[in-house]
Amino acid sequence: MADTQTLKYAFTGTVDEVKDLSMDLVTNPTITHTLGTDSGTLTASTTVPVTKTYSDTLPLVAGVLDIDLTSLPGPEATTITFTGLKVQFVKIICPASNTLPIAFWKHAVNGYNLFGADNASAERVEIMPGGKFMMYHPNSAEDVDATHKVVTIAGNGTESFSILIVAG
């Protein structure tokens, strides 16, 4: 039996703002700010497929780390490869104990743009200590291949981050 993947995701954010009208006989109104909730479940057979998953907590070594999406360490000494797949979902968490932000961007050689479909440009994302980042690519990222595969991560010393990448 082959491995199966089921990704359940939810993006939500709601703020209730109570306006202070400073009037004795008026109830202060509440304004709700939201972009709604976007959620879903993805599998190998959905329009946006997911067939491989990688997750780990990784330390930086001397402030730097490269992730090769064609050769990720898997369970029981296996190797996970996203070759021929698109990254569909990314979640990154940086512990509050980190002292500086950790930055993620396309490597200069054989780089993969984890945060956008256009590998001609190099988007950069910095995640602050205690910060969380989540992104969903609805089958729009480029395929991972021999010339689009490496993500560079840089920070300070031996700080760490946790990452979840789902591809299909």
N, C-alpha and C. Protein backbone atom coordinates (compact mmCIF):
# COMPACT_ATOMS: atom_id res chain seq x y z
N MET A 1 0.84 -1.18 0.00
CA MET A 1 0.00 0.00 0.00
C MET A 1 0.89 1.25 0.00
N ALA A 2 0.57 2.20 -0.85
CA ALA A 2 1.35 3.44 -0.95
C ALA A 2 0.95 4.42 0.15
N ASP A 3 1.87 5.30 0.50
CA ASP A 3 1.58 6.36 1.46
C ASP A 3 0.47 7.25 0.91
N THR A 4 -0.37 7.77 1.79
CA THR A 4 -1.39 8.74 1.38
C THR A 4 -1.23 9.99 2.22
N GLN A 5 -1.61 11.12 1.65
CA GLN A 5 -1.51 12.41 2.31
C GLN A 5 -2.89 13.06 2.34
N THR A 6 -3.25 13.65 3.47
CA THR A 6 -4.46 14.46 3.58
C THR A 6 -4.08 15.73 4.31
N LEU A 7 -4.14 16.86 3.62
CA LEU A 7 -3.82 18.15 4.21
C LEU A 7 -5.12 18.85 4.58
N LYS A 8 -5.26 19.22 5.84
CA LYS A 8 -6.38 20.02 6.31
C LYS A 8 -5.81 21.37 6.71
N TYR A 9 -6.31 22.45 6.10
CA TYR A 9 -5.78 23.77 6.40
C TYR A 9 -6.92 24.73 6.71
N ALA A 10 -6.58 25.79 7.45
CA ALA A 10 -7.56 26.84 7.75
C ALA A 10 -6.81 28.15 7.95
N PHE A 11 -7.22 29.16 7.22
CA PHE A 11 -6.71 30.52 7.38
C PHE A 11 -7.85 31.36 7.93
N THR A 12 -7.66 31.95 9.07
CA THR A 12 -8.72 32.77 9.65
C THR A 12 -8.10 33.87 10.50
N GLY A 13 -8.81 34.92 10.65
CA GLY A 13 -8.39 36.03 11.51
C GLY A 13 -9.56 36.97 11.66
N THR A 14 -9.97 37.20 12.90
CA THR A 14 -11.10 38.08 13.17
C THR A 14 -10.74 39.00 14.33
N VAL A 15 -11.03 40.28 14.18
CA VAL A 15 -10.78 41.26 15.23
C VAL A 15 -12.10 41.94 15.57
N ASP A 16 -12.47 41.92 16.85
CA ASP A 16 -13.63 42.68 17.32
C ASP A 16 -13.12 43.97 17.95
N GLU A 17 -13.48 45.08 17.35
CA GLU A 17 -13.05 46.40 17.81
C GLU A 17 -14.26 47.09 18.45
N VAL A 18 -14.12 47.47 19.73
CA VAL A 18 -15.19 48.18 20.41
C VAL A 18 -14.86 49.66 20.38
N LYS A 19 -15.72 50.42 19.73
CA LYS A 19 -15.53 51.86 19.60
C LYS A 19 -15.99 52.55 20.89
N ASP A 20 -15.15 53.41 21.43
CA ASP A 20 -15.49 54.16 22.64
C ASP A 20 -16.08 55.50 22.23
N LEU A 21 -17.41 55.61 22.35
CA LEU A 21 -18.09 56.84 21.97
C LEU A 21 -18.15 57.85 23.11
N SER A 22 -17.76 57.41 24.31
CA SER A 22 -17.76 58.28 25.50
C SER A 22 -19.10 58.99 25.69
N MET A 23 -20.15 58.22 25.53
CA MET A 23 -21.50 58.76 25.73
C MET A 23 -22.22 57.89 26.76
N ASP A 24 -22.78 58.51 27.80
CA ASP A 24 -23.40 57.77 28.89
C ASP A 24 -24.59 56.92 28.47
N LEU A 25 -25.37 57.36 27.53
CA LEU A 25 -26.61 56.67 27.19
C LEU A 25 -26.53 55.87 25.90
N VAL A 26 -25.30 55.66 25.40
CA VAL A 26 -25.12 54.93 24.14
C VAL A 26 -24.20 53.73 24.39
N THR A 27 -24.62 52.58 23.93
CA THR A 27 -23.76 51.40 24.01
C THR A 27 -22.66 51.53 22.97
N ASN A 28 -21.44 51.31 23.40
CA ASN A 28 -20.32 51.38 22.47
C ASN A 28 -20.45 50.27 21.42
N PRO A 29 -20.42 50.61 20.15
CA PRO A 29 -20.61 49.60 19.11
C PRO A 29 -19.36 48.75 18.89
N THR A 30 -19.60 47.53 18.45
CA THR A 30 -18.51 46.63 18.09
C THR A 30 -18.45 46.52 16.57
N ILE A 31 -17.26 46.69 16.03
CA ILE A 31 -17.02 46.51 14.60
C ILE A 31 -16.16 45.26 14.46
N THR A 32 -16.57 44.35 13.60
CA THR A 32 -15.82 43.12 13.38
C THR A 32 -15.07 43.23 12.06
N HIS A 33 -13.76 43.04 12.13
CA HIS A 33 -12.89 43.05 10.94
C HIS A 33 -12.54 41.59 10.63
N THR A 34 -12.76 41.17 9.39
CA THR A 34 -12.40 39.81 9.00
C THR A 34 -12.31 39.70 7.49
N LEU A 35 -11.52 38.78 7.05
CA LEU A 35 -11.50 38.39 5.64
C LEU A 35 -12.15 37.03 5.48
N GLY A 36 -12.86 36.61 6.51
CA GLY A 36 -13.52 35.31 6.47
C GLY A 36 -12.55 34.19 6.78
N THR A 37 -13.01 32.99 6.60
CA THR A 37 -12.19 31.80 6.82
C THR A 37 -12.05 31.07 5.51
N ASP A 38 -10.83 30.74 5.16
CA ASP A 38 -10.56 29.93 3.98
C ASP A 38 -9.98 28.63 4.49
N SER A 39 -10.65 27.54 4.21
CA SER A 39 -10.18 26.25 4.69
C SER A 39 -10.49 25.19 3.66
N GLY A 40 -9.84 24.06 3.82
CA GLY A 40 -10.10 22.97 2.90
C GLY A 40 -9.34 21.72 3.28
N THR A 41 -9.59 20.69 2.52
CA THR A 41 -8.90 19.41 2.67
C THR A 41 -8.40 19.00 1.31
N LEU A 42 -7.12 18.67 1.23
CA LEU A 42 -6.50 18.27 -0.04
C LEU A 42 -5.97 16.85 0.07
N THR A 43 -6.09 16.09 -1.01
CA THR A 43 -5.56 14.74 -1.11
C THR A 43 -4.92 14.57 -2.49
N ALA A 44 -4.47 13.39 -2.79
CA ALA A 44 -3.88 13.13 -4.10
C ALA A 44 -4.90 13.27 -5.23
N SER A 45 -6.18 13.12 -4.93
CA SER A 45 -7.20 13.15 -5.99
C SER A 45 -7.96 14.48 -6.08
N THR A 46 -7.61 15.49 -5.26
CA THR A 46 -8.27 16.78 -5.37
C THR A 46 -7.65 17.58 -6.51
N THR A 47 -8.32 18.66 -6.93
CA THR A 47 -7.83 19.51 -8.02
C THR A 47 -6.44 20.04 -7.70
N VAL A 48 -6.23 20.45 -6.46
CA VAL A 48 -4.89 20.79 -5.99
C VAL A 48 -4.40 19.55 -5.24
N PRO A 49 -3.53 18.74 -5.87
CA PRO A 49 -3.16 17.47 -5.26
C PRO A 49 -2.04 17.62 -4.22
N VAL A 50 -2.05 16.73 -3.24
CA VAL A 50 -0.93 16.61 -2.31
C VAL A 50 -0.54 15.14 -2.22
N THR A 51 0.75 14.87 -2.46
CA THR A 51 1.23 13.49 -2.49
C THR A 51 2.47 13.25 -1.64
N LYS A 52 3.14 14.32 -1.20
CA LYS A 52 4.35 14.16 -0.39
C LYS A 52 4.38 15.23 0.69
N THR A 53 4.90 14.86 1.86
CA THR A 53 4.99 15.79 2.99
C THR A 53 6.35 15.69 3.64
N TYR A 54 6.87 16.84 4.04
CA TYR A 54 8.11 16.91 4.81
C TYR A 54 7.86 17.83 6.00
N SER A 55 8.31 17.41 7.18
CA SER A 55 8.24 18.28 8.35
C SER A 55 9.41 17.96 9.27
N ASP A 56 9.92 19.01 9.93
CA ASP A 56 11.03 18.82 10.85
C ASP A 56 11.28 20.12 11.61
N THR A 57 11.99 20.02 12.69
CA THR A 57 12.54 21.19 13.38
C THR A 57 14.02 21.20 13.05
N LEU A 58 14.49 22.29 12.47
CA LEU A 58 15.85 22.36 11.95
C LEU A 58 16.64 23.47 12.62
N PRO A 59 17.88 23.20 13.02
CA PRO A 59 18.75 24.24 13.55
C PRO A 59 19.60 24.85 12.44
N LEU A 60 19.90 26.11 12.56
CA LEU A 60 20.87 26.73 11.66
C LEU A 60 22.26 26.32 12.13
N VAL A 61 23.19 26.24 11.19
CA VAL A 61 24.59 25.94 11.51
C VAL A 61 25.39 27.16 11.11
N ALA A 62 25.99 27.82 12.10
CA ALA A 62 26.71 29.08 11.87
C ALA A 62 25.81 30.09 11.16
N GLY A 63 24.52 30.06 11.48
CA GLY A 63 23.58 31.04 10.96
C GLY A 63 23.01 30.78 9.59
N VAL A 64 23.30 29.61 8.99
CA VAL A 64 22.85 29.35 7.62
C VAL A 64 22.39 27.90 7.48
N LEU A 65 21.46 27.67 6.57
CA LEU A 65 21.02 26.31 6.22
C LEU A 65 20.41 26.36 4.83
N ASP A 66 20.71 25.36 4.01
CA ASP A 66 20.07 25.20 2.71
C ASP A 66 19.20 23.95 2.76
N ILE A 67 17.99 24.04 2.20
CA ILE A 67 17.10 22.89 2.09
C ILE A 67 17.00 22.53 0.61
N ASP A 68 17.34 21.29 0.28
CA ASP A 68 17.23 20.78 -1.09
C ASP A 68 15.94 19.98 -1.19
N LEU A 69 14.96 20.50 -1.93
CA LEU A 69 13.65 19.88 -2.02
C LEU A 69 13.66 18.58 -2.82
N THR A 70 14.79 18.23 -3.42
CA THR A 70 14.89 16.94 -4.12
C THR A 70 15.53 15.88 -3.24
N SER A 71 15.96 16.26 -2.04
CA SER A 71 16.65 15.31 -1.17
C SER A 71 16.47 15.70 0.29
N LEU A 72 15.26 15.41 0.82
CA LEU A 72 14.94 15.75 2.20
C LEU A 72 15.03 14.50 3.06
N PRO A 73 15.57 14.61 4.28
CA PRO A 73 15.65 13.42 5.13
C PRO A 73 14.26 12.96 5.56
N GLY A 74 13.97 11.69 5.33
CA GLY A 74 12.67 11.13 5.69
C GLY A 74 12.78 10.18 6.86
N PRO A 75 11.66 9.58 7.22
CA PRO A 75 11.67 8.65 8.34
C PRO A 75 12.43 7.36 8.01
N GLU A 76 13.01 6.75 9.03
CA GLU A 76 13.71 5.47 8.90
C GLU A 76 14.77 5.50 7.81
N ALA A 77 15.56 6.57 7.79
CA ALA A 77 16.69 6.73 6.87
C ALA A 77 16.27 6.73 5.41
N THR A 78 15.06 7.17 5.11
CA THR A 78 14.62 7.30 3.73
C THR A 78 14.86 8.73 3.26
N THR A 79 14.69 8.96 1.97
CA THR A 79 14.81 10.29 1.39
C THR A 79 13.48 10.67 0.74
N ILE A 80 13.03 11.88 1.04
CA ILE A 80 11.81 12.41 0.43
C ILE A 80 12.24 13.33 -0.70
N THR A 81 11.66 13.14 -1.88
CA THR A 81 11.95 14.04 -2.99
C THR A 81 10.66 14.65 -3.53
N PHE A 82 10.69 15.95 -3.76
CA PHE A 82 9.56 16.66 -4.36
C PHE A 82 9.76 16.84 -5.86
N THR A 83 10.71 16.16 -6.47
CA THR A 83 10.99 16.30 -7.89
C THR A 83 9.72 16.06 -8.71
N GLY A 84 9.42 17.00 -9.62
CA GLY A 84 8.25 16.91 -10.47
C GLY A 84 6.96 17.36 -9.81
N LEU A 85 7.04 17.80 -8.56
CA LEU A 85 5.86 18.24 -7.82
C LEU A 85 5.90 19.74 -7.59
N LYS A 86 4.75 20.31 -7.26
CA LYS A 86 4.65 21.71 -6.89
C LYS A 86 4.46 21.80 -5.38
N VAL A 87 5.13 22.75 -4.74
CA VAL A 87 4.87 23.00 -3.32
C VAL A 87 3.49 23.64 -3.24
N GLN A 88 2.60 23.02 -2.48
CA GLN A 88 1.21 23.49 -2.37
C GLN A 88 0.97 24.25 -1.07
N PHE A 89 1.72 23.91 -0.02
CA PHE A 89 1.46 24.46 1.31
C PHE A 89 2.76 24.52 2.09
N VAL A 90 2.95 25.62 2.82
CA VAL A 90 4.13 25.81 3.67
C VAL A 90 3.67 26.41 4.99
N LYS A 91 4.19 25.88 6.09
CA LYS A 91 3.99 26.49 7.40
C LYS A 91 5.33 26.49 8.11
N ILE A 92 5.69 27.65 8.67
CA ILE A 92 6.96 27.81 9.38
C ILE A 92 6.68 28.47 10.72
N ILE A 93 7.31 27.94 11.77
CA ILE A 93 7.19 28.51 13.11
C ILE A 93 8.60 28.74 13.65
N CYS A 94 8.84 29.94 14.13
CA CYS A 94 10.12 30.26 14.77
C CYS A 94 9.89 30.40 16.28
N PRO A 95 10.67 29.70 17.09
CA PRO A 95 10.47 29.78 18.54
C PRO A 95 10.73 31.18 19.07
N ALA A 96 10.05 31.53 20.14
CA ALA A 96 10.24 32.83 20.78
C ALA A 96 11.65 32.96 21.35
N SER A 97 12.33 31.85 21.56
CA SER A 97 13.69 31.89 22.11
C SER A 97 14.74 32.33 21.09
N ASN A 98 14.38 32.36 19.79
CA ASN A 98 15.32 32.91 18.80
C ASN A 98 15.56 34.38 19.12
N THR A 99 16.78 34.85 18.86
CA THR A 99 17.10 36.25 19.19
C THR A 99 16.92 37.21 18.03
N LEU A 100 16.92 36.70 16.80
CA LEU A 100 16.75 37.53 15.61
C LEU A 100 15.83 36.81 14.64
N PRO A 101 15.30 37.52 13.64
CA PRO A 101 14.46 36.84 12.64
C PRO A 101 15.26 35.83 11.83
N ILE A 102 14.54 34.89 11.25
CA ILE A 102 15.13 33.94 10.30
C ILE A 102 14.55 34.27 8.93
N ALA A 103 15.43 34.37 7.93
CA ALA A 103 15.02 34.74 6.57
C ALA A 103 15.08 33.53 5.65
N PHE A 104 14.11 33.45 4.74
CA PHE A 104 14.00 32.36 3.77
C PHE A 104 13.96 32.98 2.39
N TRP A 105 14.76 32.47 1.45
CA TRP A 105 14.72 32.96 0.08
C TRP A 105 15.28 31.93 -0.89
N LYS A 106 15.14 32.20 -2.17
CA LYS A 106 15.61 31.34 -3.25
C LYS A 106 17.14 31.32 -3.26
N HIS A 107 17.73 30.14 -3.24
CA HIS A 107 19.18 29.99 -3.29
C HIS A 107 19.73 30.55 -4.60
N ALA A 108 20.96 31.05 -4.58
CA ALA A 108 21.56 31.66 -5.77
C ALA A 108 21.80 30.64 -6.89
N VAL A 109 22.03 29.38 -6.55
CA VAL A 109 22.27 28.33 -7.54
C VAL A 109 21.18 27.27 -7.40
N ASN A 110 20.48 26.99 -8.47
CA ASN A 110 19.40 26.00 -8.47
C ASN A 110 18.34 26.33 -7.42
N GLY A 111 18.03 27.61 -7.28
CA GLY A 111 17.11 28.06 -6.24
C GLY A 111 15.66 27.76 -6.55
N TYR A 112 14.91 27.53 -5.48
CA TYR A 112 13.46 27.34 -5.58
C TYR A 112 12.80 28.45 -4.78
N ASN A 113 11.87 29.14 -5.43
CA ASN A 113 11.18 30.25 -4.79
C ASN A 113 9.98 29.69 -4.02
N LEU A 114 10.19 29.39 -2.75
CA LEU A 114 9.17 28.77 -1.91
C LEU A 114 7.92 29.63 -1.75
N PHE A 115 8.05 30.94 -1.98
CA PHE A 115 6.94 31.86 -1.68
C PHE A 115 6.30 32.47 -2.91
N GLY A 116 6.63 31.98 -4.10
CA GLY A 116 6.02 32.52 -5.30
C GLY A 116 6.29 31.63 -6.49
N ALA A 117 5.51 31.80 -7.54
CA ALA A 117 5.62 30.94 -8.71
C ALA A 117 6.75 31.37 -9.64
N ASP A 118 7.21 32.60 -9.54
CA ASP A 118 8.17 33.14 -10.49
C ASP A 118 9.59 32.98 -9.97
N ASN A 119 10.29 31.96 -10.45
CA ASN A 119 11.67 31.75 -10.00
C ASN A 119 12.64 32.75 -10.61
N ALA A 120 12.16 33.64 -11.48
CA ALA A 120 13.03 34.68 -12.02
C ALA A 120 13.31 35.75 -10.98
N SER A 121 12.44 35.85 -9.98
CA SER A 121 12.66 36.82 -8.91
C SER A 121 12.88 36.07 -7.61
N ALA A 122 13.32 36.76 -6.61
CA ALA A 122 13.66 36.10 -5.35
C ALA A 122 12.92 36.77 -4.20
N GLU A 123 11.71 36.31 -3.94
CA GLU A 123 10.99 36.81 -2.79
C GLU A 123 11.70 36.35 -1.52
N ARG A 124 11.65 37.16 -0.50
CA ARG A 124 12.32 36.86 0.76
C ARG A 124 11.30 37.05 1.86
N VAL A 125 11.24 36.09 2.76
CA VAL A 125 10.34 36.18 3.90
C VAL A 125 11.18 36.08 5.17
N GLU A 126 10.96 37.03 6.08
CA GLU A 126 11.61 36.98 7.39
C GLU A 126 10.56 36.71 8.44
N ILE A 127 10.87 35.77 9.33
CA ILE A 127 9.95 35.42 10.39
C ILE A 127 10.61 35.78 11.72
N MET A 128 9.93 36.61 12.46
CA MET A 128 10.46 37.11 13.73
C MET A 128 10.42 36.02 14.80
N PRO A 129 11.22 36.16 15.88
CA PRO A 129 11.14 35.21 16.99
C PRO A 129 9.71 35.12 17.51
N GLY A 130 9.21 33.90 17.65
CA GLY A 130 7.84 33.68 18.08
C GLY A 130 6.83 33.78 16.95
N GLY A 131 7.30 34.10 15.74
CA GLY A 131 6.41 34.30 14.60
C GLY A 131 6.03 33.01 13.91
N LYS A 132 4.92 33.09 13.18
CA LYS A 132 4.40 31.97 12.41
C LYS A 132 4.07 32.46 11.00
N PHE A 133 4.30 31.60 10.02
CA PHE A 133 4.02 31.94 8.62
C PHE A 133 3.35 30.75 7.98
N MET A 134 2.29 31.01 7.19
CA MET A 134 1.61 29.94 6.49
C MET A 134 1.21 30.44 5.10
N MET A 135 1.41 29.60 4.07
CA MET A 135 1.09 29.99 2.71
C MET A 135 0.53 28.79 1.95
N TYR A 136 -0.49 29.06 1.16
CA TYR A 136 -1.12 28.04 0.32
C TYR A 136 -0.96 28.45 -1.13
N HIS A 137 -0.37 27.57 -1.93
CA HIS A 137 -0.23 27.78 -3.38
C HIS A 137 -1.21 26.84 -4.07
N PRO A 138 -2.30 27.31 -4.62
CA PRO A 138 -3.28 26.41 -5.25
C PRO A 138 -2.80 25.89 -6.60
N ASN A 139 -1.81 25.02 -6.56
CA ASN A 139 -1.24 24.40 -7.76
C ASN A 139 -0.60 25.42 -8.69
N SER A 140 -0.08 26.53 -8.11
CA SER A 140 0.46 27.61 -8.94
C SER A 140 1.97 27.80 -8.81
N ALA A 141 2.62 27.11 -7.88
CA ALA A 141 4.08 27.22 -7.76
C ALA A 141 4.74 26.43 -8.89
N GLU A 142 6.01 26.73 -9.14
CA GLU A 142 6.73 25.98 -10.16
C GLU A 142 7.06 24.58 -9.67
N ASP A 143 7.28 23.68 -10.61
CA ASP A 143 7.69 22.33 -10.26
C ASP A 143 9.09 22.34 -9.67
N VAL A 144 9.31 21.46 -8.73
CA VAL A 144 10.65 21.22 -8.21
C VAL A 144 11.38 20.36 -9.24
N ASP A 145 12.60 20.78 -9.62
CA ASP A 145 13.40 20.00 -10.56
C ASP A 145 14.87 20.25 -10.27
N ALA A 146 15.74 19.75 -11.12
CA ALA A 146 17.19 19.83 -10.89
C ALA A 146 17.70 21.27 -10.83
N THR A 147 17.01 22.20 -11.49
CA THR A 147 17.48 23.59 -11.49
C THR A 147 16.62 24.51 -10.62
N HIS A 148 15.58 23.97 -10.00
CA HIS A 148 14.69 24.73 -9.09
C HIS A 148 14.44 23.86 -7.87
N LYS A 149 15.35 23.92 -6.88
CA LYS A 149 15.23 22.97 -5.78
C LYS A 149 15.74 23.43 -4.42
N VAL A 150 16.53 24.49 -4.33
CA VAL A 150 17.19 24.83 -3.07
C VAL A 150 16.63 26.13 -2.47
N VAL A 151 16.31 26.06 -1.18
CA VAL A 151 15.85 27.22 -0.41
C VAL A 151 16.94 27.53 0.60
N THR A 152 17.32 28.80 0.70
CA THR A 152 18.33 29.24 1.66
C THR A 152 17.65 29.84 2.88
N ILE A 153 18.17 29.51 4.04
CA ILE A 153 17.67 30.03 5.31
C ILE A 153 18.85 30.64 6.05
N ALA A 154 18.66 31.83 6.59
CA ALA A 154 19.74 32.48 7.34
C ALA A 154 19.19 33.17 8.57
N GLY A 155 19.97 33.15 9.61
CA GLY A 155 19.58 33.81 10.86
C GLY A 155 20.82 34.14 11.67
N ASN A 156 20.79 33.73 12.92
CA ASN A 156 21.87 34.08 13.83
C ASN A 156 22.31 32.82 14.58
N GLY A 157 23.52 32.36 14.34
CA GLY A 157 24.08 31.25 15.11
C GLY A 157 23.35 29.94 14.89
N THR A 158 22.87 29.35 16.00
CA THR A 158 22.26 28.03 15.95
C THR A 158 20.76 28.08 16.26
N GLU A 159 20.11 29.17 15.90
CA GLU A 159 18.67 29.26 16.12
C GLU A 159 17.96 28.19 15.30
N SER A 160 16.70 27.95 15.61
CA SER A 160 15.98 26.90 14.92
C SER A 160 14.63 27.37 14.42
N PHE A 161 13.97 26.52 13.63
CA PHE A 161 12.62 26.77 13.14
C PHE A 161 11.99 25.41 12.86
N SER A 162 10.67 25.37 12.87
CA SER A 162 9.94 24.17 12.48
C SER A 162 9.28 24.46 11.14
N ILE A 163 9.29 23.47 10.25
CA ILE A 163 8.74 23.68 8.92
C ILE A 163 7.91 22.48 8.49
N LEU A 164 6.81 22.76 7.80
CA LEU A 164 5.95 21.75 7.20
C LEU A 164 5.77 22.15 5.74
N ILE A 165 6.15 21.25 4.82
CA ILE A 165 6.01 21.51 3.39
C ILE A 165 5.22 20.35 2.79
N VAL A 166 4.18 20.68 2.02
CA VAL A 166 3.35 19.67 1.38
C VAL A 166 3.38 19.95 -0.13
N ALA A 167 3.61 18.91 -0.92
CA ALA A 167 3.72 19.06 -2.37
C ALA A 167 2.84 18.04 -3.08
N GLY A 168 2.54 18.34 -4.33
CA GLY A 168 1.76 17.41 -5.14
C GLY A 168 1.77 17.84 -6.58
